């Protein structure tokens, strides 16, 4: 199991180094301003943006021991934001410029590769003009 997470971690590192990624075909669809609650970090979410603006990914709740990495990718596979927390349980708001209408991808990951928590995390994505 640790070997599998090591491969996932190395893959994410390589993506971060090159600054691009393939948009995930299995991203879960979400709506703007919808609160998303999940126990399993490591997934991508897909949100349709109707007008240009600034996307804000707001971590609202998370387990006290969870350290997170949030990425925002556009349809052209360009990384618009890539931020991680510095302490466990830290809440953060990540901002990314959504310069055109379209589909954007939000990745929520645990820095330690944990794939399930008893206490869920929650976030929402808003669009600010």
C-alpha atoms as a PDB file:
ATOM      1  CA  UNK A   1       0.000   0.000   0.000  1.00  0.00           C
ATOM      2  CA  UNK A   2       2.807   2.431   0.848  1.00  0.00           C
ATOM      3  CA  UNK A   3       4.415   1.638  -2.500  1.00  0.00           C
ATOM      4  CA  UNK A   4       1.254   2.659  -4.340  1.00  0.00           C
ATOM      5  CA  UNK A   5       1.092   5.977  -2.457  1.00  0.00           C
ATOM      6  CA  UNK A   6       4.753   6.586  -3.196  1.00  0.00           C
ATOM      7  CA  UNK A   7       4.007   6.239  -6.907  1.00  0.00           C
ATOM      8  CA  UNK A   8       1.038   8.620  -6.602  1.00  0.00           C
ATOM      9  CA  UNK A   9       3.219  11.118  -4.732  1.00  0.00           C
ATOM     10  CA  UNK A  10       5.998  10.934  -7.308  1.00  0.00           C
ATOM     11  CA  UNK A  11       3.491  11.385 -10.111  1.00  0.00           C
ATOM     12  CA  UNK A  12       2.067  14.496  -8.433  1.00  0.00           C
ATOM     13  CA  UNK A  13       5.579  15.821  -7.906  1.00  0.00           C
ATOM     14  CA  UNK A  14       6.399  15.364 -11.575  1.00  0.00           C
ATOM     15  CA  UNK A  15       3.202  17.158 -12.548  1.00  0.00           C
ATOM     16  CA  UNK A  16       4.062  20.031 -10.229  1.00  0.00           C
ATOM     17  CA  UNK A  17       7.545  20.314 -11.658  1.00  0.00           C
ATOM     18  CA  UNK A  18       6.352  20.546 -15.236  1.00  0.00           C
ATOM     19  CA  UNK A  19       3.425  22.853 -14.357  1.00  0.00           C
ATOM     20  CA  UNK A  20       0.806  21.008 -16.349  1.00  0.00           C
ATOM     21  CA  UNK A  21      -1.399  17.995 -16.025  1.00  0.00           C
ATOM     22  CA  UNK A  22      -3.935  16.067 -17.988  1.00  0.00           C
ATOM     23  CA  UNK A  23      -7.405  17.098 -16.990  1.00  0.00           C
ATOM     24  CA  UNK A  24      -8.855  14.175 -15.062  1.00  0.00           C
ATOM     25  CA  UNK A  25     -11.600  12.388 -16.967  1.00  0.00           C
ATOM     26  CA  UNK A  26     -13.094  11.032 -13.740  1.00  0.00           C
ATOM     27  CA  UNK A  27     -13.424  14.413 -11.995  1.00  0.00           C
ATOM     28  CA  UNK A  28     -16.588  14.684  -9.919  1.00  0.00           C
ATOM     29  CA  UNK A  29     -18.957  17.410 -11.195  1.00  0.00           C
ATOM     30  CA  UNK A  30     -19.798  20.145  -8.687  1.00  0.00           C
ATOM     31  CA  UNK A  31     -21.641  23.482  -8.801  1.00  0.00           C
ATOM     32  CA  UNK A  32     -20.369  26.919  -7.858  1.00  0.00           C
ATOM     33  CA  UNK A  33     -21.226  27.848  -4.257  1.00  0.00           C
ATOM     34  CA  UNK A  34     -22.026  24.207  -3.393  1.00  0.00           C
ATOM     35  CA  UNK A  35     -20.457  22.894  -0.189  1.00  0.00           C
ATOM     36  CA  UNK A  36     -18.663  19.628  -0.922  1.00  0.00           C
ATOM     37  CA  UNK A  37     -18.059  17.203   1.950  1.00  0.00           C
ATOM     38  CA  UNK A  38     -15.841  14.148   1.547  1.00  0.00           C
ATOM     39  CA  UNK A  39     -13.761  11.789   3.688  1.00  0.00           C
ATOM     40  CA  UNK A  40     -11.318  10.759   0.975  1.00  0.00           C
ATOM     41  CA  UNK A  41      -8.824  13.344  -0.318  1.00  0.00           C
ATOM     42  CA  UNK A  42      -7.042  12.679  -3.594  1.00  0.00           C
ATOM     43  CA  UNK A  43      -9.864  13.480  -5.983  1.00  0.00           C
ATOM     44  CA  UNK A  44     -10.481  16.062  -8.633  1.00  0.00           C
ATOM     45  CA  UNK A  45     -13.705  17.992  -8.992  1.00  0.00           C
ATOM     46  CA  UNK A  46     -15.029  19.678 -12.130  1.00  0.00           C
ATOM     47  CA  UNK A  47     -16.866  23.021 -12.059  1.00  0.00           C
ATOM     48  CA  UNK A  48     -18.351  24.958 -14.982  1.00  0.00           C
ATOM     49  CA  UNK A  49     -17.681  28.682 -14.880  1.00  0.00           C
ATOM     50  CA  UNK A  50     -20.158  30.829 -16.867  1.00  0.00           C
ATOM     51  CA  UNK A  51     -18.200  34.117 -16.895  1.00  0.00           C
ATOM     52  CA  UNK A  52     -14.617  35.264 -16.305  1.00  0.00           C
ATOM     53  CA  UNK A  53     -13.624  36.060 -12.744  1.00  0.00           C
ATOM     54  CA  UNK A  54     -11.576  34.799  -9.836  1.00  0.00           C
ATOM     55  CA  UNK A  55     -12.218  31.300  -8.572  1.00  0.00           C
ATOM     56  CA  UNK A  56     -11.902  30.890  -4.833  1.00  0.00           C
ATOM     57  CA  UNK A  57     -11.527  27.421  -3.367  1.00  0.00           C
ATOM     58  CA  UNK A  58     -12.372  27.786   0.309  1.00  0.00           C
ATOM     59  CA  UNK A  59     -11.473  24.991   2.721  1.00  0.00           C
ATOM     60  CA  UNK A  60     -14.189  25.257   5.346  1.00  0.00           C
ATOM     61  CA  UNK A  61     -13.572  22.211   7.544  1.00  0.00           C
ATOM     62  CA  UNK A  62     -10.944  19.512   7.643  1.00  0.00           C
ATOM     63  CA  UNK A  63      -9.588  16.903  10.024  1.00  0.00           C
ATOM     64  CA  UNK A  64      -7.138  18.303  12.587  1.00  0.00           C
ATOM     65  CA  UNK A  65      -4.331  16.079  11.241  1.00  0.00           C
ATOM     66  CA  UNK A  66      -4.889  16.745   7.513  1.00  0.00           C
ATOM     67  CA  UNK A  67      -2.381  18.818   5.553  1.00  0.00           C
ATOM     68  CA  UNK A  68      -3.735  19.715   2.138  1.00  0.00           C
ATOM     69  CA  UNK A  69      -2.673  20.627  -1.339  1.00  0.00           C
ATOM     70  CA  UNK A  70      -5.179  22.420  -3.570  1.00  0.00           C
ATOM     71  CA  UNK A  71      -4.649  22.760  -7.313  1.00  0.00           C
ATOM     72  CA  UNK A  72      -6.742  24.511  -9.953  1.00  0.00           C
ATOM     73  CA  UNK A  73      -6.357  23.494 -13.618  1.00  0.00           C
ATOM     74  CA  UNK A  74      -8.124  24.895 -16.669  1.00  0.00           C
ATOM     75  CA  UNK A  75      -9.389  23.058 -19.773  1.00  0.00           C
ATOM     76  CA  UNK A  76      -6.089  23.677 -21.553  1.00  0.00           C
ATOM     77  CA  UNK A  77      -4.287  21.658 -18.837  1.00  0.00           C
ATOM     78  CA  UNK A  78      -2.568  24.744 -17.401  1.00  0.00           C
ATOM     79  CA  UNK A  79      -2.127  24.969 -13.656  1.00  0.00           C
ATOM     80  CA  UNK A  80      -3.631  28.206 -12.400  1.00  0.00           C
ATOM     81  CA  UNK A  81      -3.000  27.640  -8.689  1.00  0.00           C
ATOM     82  CA  UNK A  82      -1.077  25.160  -6.580  1.00  0.00           C
ATOM     83  CA  UNK A  83      -1.007  25.807  -2.847  1.00  0.00           C
ATOM     84  CA  UNK A  84      -0.473  23.668   0.184  1.00  0.00           C
ATOM     85  CA  UNK A  85      -0.990  24.237   3.865  1.00  0.00           C
ATOM     86  CA  UNK A  86       1.951  24.468   6.233  1.00  0.00           C
ATOM     87  CA  UNK A  87       0.381  22.994   9.360  1.00  0.00           C
ATOM     88  CA  UNK A  88      -2.159  20.218  10.016  1.00  0.00           C
ATOM     89  CA  UNK A  89      -5.776  21.376  10.174  1.00  0.00           C
ATOM     90  CA  UNK A  90      -4.991  24.709   8.515  1.00  0.00           C
ATOM     91  CA  UNK A  91      -7.865  26.239   6.571  1.00  0.00           C
ATOM     92  CA  UNK A  92      -6.958  28.084   3.402  1.00  0.00           C
ATOM     93  CA  UNK A  93      -8.530  29.971   0.507  1.00  0.00           C
ATOM     94  CA  UNK A  94      -6.888  29.412  -2.878  1.00  0.00           C
ATOM     95  CA  UNK A  95      -7.492  31.952  -5.644  1.00  0.00           C
ATOM     96  CA  UNK A  96      -7.091  31.406  -9.386  1.00  0.00           C
ATOM     97  CA  UNK A  97      -7.827  33.630 -12.356  1.00  0.00           C
ATOM     98  CA  UNK A  98     -10.592  32.119 -14.502  1.00  0.00           C
ATOM     99  CA  UNK A  99     -10.029  34.345 -17.518  1.00  0.00           C
ATOM    100  CA  UNK A 100     -12.645  32.683 -19.714  1.00  0.00           C
ATOM    101  CA  UNK A 101     -15.882  30.751 -19.316  1.00  0.00           C
ATOM    102  CA  UNK A 102     -15.347  26.994 -19.302  1.00  0.00           C
ATOM    103  CA  UNK A 103     -14.623  23.982 -17.154  1.00  0.00           C
ATOM    104  CA  UNK A 104     -12.082  24.181 -14.360  1.00  0.00           C
ATOM    105  CA  UNK A 105     -10.680  21.347 -12.251  1.00  0.00           C
ATOM    106  CA  UNK A 106     -10.052  21.463  -8.510  1.00  0.00           C
ATOM    107  CA  UNK A 107      -7.758  18.914  -6.900  1.00  0.00           C
ATOM    108  CA  UNK A 108      -7.899  18.297  -3.145  1.00  0.00           C
ATOM    109  CA  UNK A 109      -5.051  16.134  -1.867  1.00  0.00           C
ATOM    110  CA  UNK A 110      -3.540  15.100   1.427  1.00  0.00           C
ATOM    111  CA  UNK A 111       0.188  15.850   1.616  1.00  0.00           C
ATOM    112  CA  UNK A 112       0.845  12.596   3.469  1.00  0.00           C
ATOM    113  CA  UNK A 113      -1.088  10.382   1.062  1.00  0.00           C
ATOM    114  CA  UNK A 114      -3.892   9.528   3.477  1.00  0.00           C
ATOM    115  CA  UNK A 115      -6.859   8.358   1.455  1.00  0.00           C
ATOM    116  CA  UNK A 116      -9.602   8.344   4.073  1.00  0.00           C
ATOM    117  CA  UNK A 117     -10.413  10.216   7.248  1.00  0.00           C
ATOM    118  CA  UNK A 118     -13.021   9.523   9.876  1.00  0.00           C
ATOM    119  CA  UNK A 119     -13.767  13.249  10.065  1.00  0.00           C
ATOM    120  CA  UNK A 120     -14.705  14.712   6.666  1.00  0.00           C
ATOM    121  CA  UNK A 121     -13.267  17.777   5.010  1.00  0.00           C
ATOM    122  CA  UNK A 122     -15.426  20.336   3.231  1.00  0.00           C
ATOM    123  CA  UNK A 123     -14.842  23.074   0.709  1.00  0.00           C
ATOM    124  CA  UNK A 124     -16.706  25.234  -1.753  1.00  0.00           C
ATOM    125  CA  UNK A 125     -15.790  27.020  -4.943  1.00  0.00           C
ATOM    126  CA  UNK A 126     -17.024  30.538  -5.581  1.00  0.00           C
ATOM    127  CA  UNK A 127     -16.626  32.923  -8.507  1.00  0.00           C
ATOM    128  CA  UNK A 128     -15.781  36.530  -7.671  1.00  0.00           C
ATOM    129  CA  UNK A 129     -16.152  39.148 -10.395  1.00  0.00           C
END
